[in-house]
């Protein structure tokens, strides 16, 4: 190979390596979303949501604000999406944004966790 072809090949290889590293880095990017948790009534509610959602594959961090009835969820977008997190919260018996609580899960919540029963 002559010097010109070798230089062109090295530039292409370098470009491919950079693109591969960039693609890999983006696929593990974290996303962050704040969810309304309006049906959350007490500390037991927030502890349940935090504990159970933290166990989901791809969820990095859960921060619940009891007073504001919100939660900030940090997750790996390549592993789980926001809709899946909302659905998982719904299956615990709580609403998350516009995703309503699963009625069957809501029925088995402690009385202090049900709206209007405090």
Protein backbone atom coordinates (compact mmCIF):
# COMPACT_ATOMS: atom_id res chain seq x y z
CA UNK A 1 0.00 0.00 0.00
CA UNK A 2 1.23 3.44 -0.74
CA UNK A 3 1.26 6.25 1.80
CA UNK A 4 -1.85 7.98 0.45
CA UNK A 5 -4.06 4.87 0.59
CA UNK A 6 -2.78 4.01 4.06
CA UNK A 7 -3.55 7.52 5.31
CA UNK A 8 -7.08 7.41 3.83
CA UNK A 9 -7.69 4.00 5.38
CA UNK A 10 -6.48 5.21 8.79
CA UNK A 11 -8.81 8.24 8.59
CA UNK A 12 -11.76 5.96 7.77
CA UNK A 13 -10.86 3.60 10.61
CA UNK A 14 -10.57 6.52 13.01
CA UNK A 15 -13.97 7.85 11.90
CA UNK A 16 -15.60 4.44 12.32
CA UNK A 17 -14.09 4.09 15.81
CA UNK A 18 -15.35 7.53 16.86
CA UNK A 19 -18.84 6.78 15.54
CA UNK A 20 -18.89 3.42 17.33
CA UNK A 21 -17.87 5.02 20.63
CA UNK A 22 -20.46 7.76 20.21
CA UNK A 23 -23.20 5.23 19.44
CA UNK A 24 -22.27 3.09 22.43
CA UNK A 25 -22.21 6.11 24.72
CA UNK A 26 -25.63 7.28 23.58
CA UNK A 27 -27.24 3.88 23.98
CA UNK A 28 -26.51 3.98 27.71
CA UNK A 29 -27.71 7.55 28.17
CA UNK A 30 -29.86 8.26 31.19
CA UNK A 31 -33.19 10.00 30.88
CA UNK A 32 -34.92 11.84 33.69
CA UNK A 33 -38.62 12.50 34.09
CA UNK A 34 -40.83 14.00 36.76
CA UNK A 35 -44.15 12.23 37.27
CA UNK A 36 -47.27 13.45 39.02
CA UNK A 37 -48.22 10.95 41.73
CA UNK A 38 -51.49 12.57 42.81
CA UNK A 39 -53.00 9.44 44.37
CA UNK A 40 -50.05 9.04 46.73
CA UNK A 41 -51.37 9.69 50.25
CA UNK A 42 -48.65 8.92 52.80
CA UNK A 43 -45.05 7.93 53.43
CA UNK A 44 -45.94 4.27 52.97
CA UNK A 45 -47.17 5.07 49.45
CA UNK A 46 -43.95 6.83 48.51
CA UNK A 47 -41.83 4.08 50.08
CA UNK A 48 -43.71 1.42 48.10
CA UNK A 49 -43.30 3.29 44.83
CA UNK A 50 -39.64 4.04 45.47
CA UNK A 51 -38.79 0.49 46.57
CA UNK A 52 -40.65 -1.32 43.79
CA UNK A 53 -39.77 0.96 40.89
CA UNK A 54 -36.10 0.98 41.93
CA UNK A 55 -36.08 -2.78 41.31
CA UNK A 56 -37.03 -2.41 37.64
CA UNK A 57 -34.27 -3.16 35.17
CA UNK A 58 -32.98 0.13 33.79
CA UNK A 59 -34.19 2.36 36.62
CA UNK A 60 -31.19 4.22 38.01
CA UNK A 61 -32.70 6.46 40.69
CA UNK A 62 -36.07 7.32 42.22
CA UNK A 63 -36.66 10.49 44.23
CA UNK A 64 -40.13 10.99 45.72
CA UNK A 65 -41.42 14.32 47.08
CA UNK A 66 -44.33 13.52 49.42
CA UNK A 67 -45.45 17.14 49.77
CA UNK A 68 -45.54 17.89 46.04
CA UNK A 69 -46.84 14.38 45.21
CA UNK A 70 -44.24 13.99 42.49
CA UNK A 71 -41.36 11.72 41.75
CA UNK A 72 -38.24 12.20 39.68
CA UNK A 73 -37.22 9.01 37.91
CA UNK A 74 -33.81 8.55 36.31
CA UNK A 75 -33.60 5.60 33.95
CA UNK A 76 -31.64 4.12 31.07
CA UNK A 77 -33.69 4.96 28.01
CA UNK A 78 -32.18 2.05 26.10
CA UNK A 79 -33.54 -0.41 28.70
CA UNK A 80 -36.88 1.00 29.89
CA UNK A 81 -39.18 3.82 28.82
CA UNK A 82 -41.34 6.25 30.74
CA UNK A 83 -44.56 4.52 29.76
CA UNK A 84 -43.31 1.27 31.32
CA UNK A 85 -42.50 3.08 34.56
CA UNK A 86 -45.97 4.67 34.63
CA UNK A 87 -47.57 1.27 34.02
CA UNK A 88 -45.50 -0.32 36.81
CA UNK A 89 -46.67 2.41 39.22
CA UNK A 90 -50.26 1.82 38.10
CA UNK A 91 -49.89 -1.89 38.87
CA UNK A 92 -48.89 -0.92 42.41
CA UNK A 93 -52.26 0.83 42.81
CA UNK A 94 -51.21 4.43 42.20
CA UNK A 95 -51.75 6.88 39.35
CA UNK A 96 -48.76 8.28 37.47
CA UNK A 97 -49.35 11.30 35.26
CA UNK A 98 -52.36 10.36 33.12
CA UNK A 99 -51.99 6.62 33.74
CA UNK A 100 -54.71 5.67 36.22
CA UNK A 101 -54.16 3.26 39.09
CA UNK A 102 -55.02 -0.37 38.39
CA UNK A 103 -58.40 -0.79 40.18
CA UNK A 104 -57.60 -4.25 41.53
CA UNK A 105 -54.24 -3.13 42.92
CA UNK A 106 -55.85 -0.02 44.40
CA UNK A 107 -58.44 -2.11 46.30
CA UNK A 108 -55.75 -3.99 48.22
CA UNK A 109 -53.83 -0.89 49.32
CA UNK A 110 -53.90 -0.08 53.03
CA UNK A 111 -56.78 2.21 53.95
CA UNK A 112 -54.37 5.08 54.66
CA UNK A 113 -53.16 4.83 51.05
CA UNK A 114 -56.63 5.14 49.53
CA UNK A 115 -57.93 8.58 48.59
CA UNK A 116 -60.64 9.89 50.91
CA UNK A 117 -60.17 7.27 53.62
CA UNK A 118 -57.76 9.15 55.86
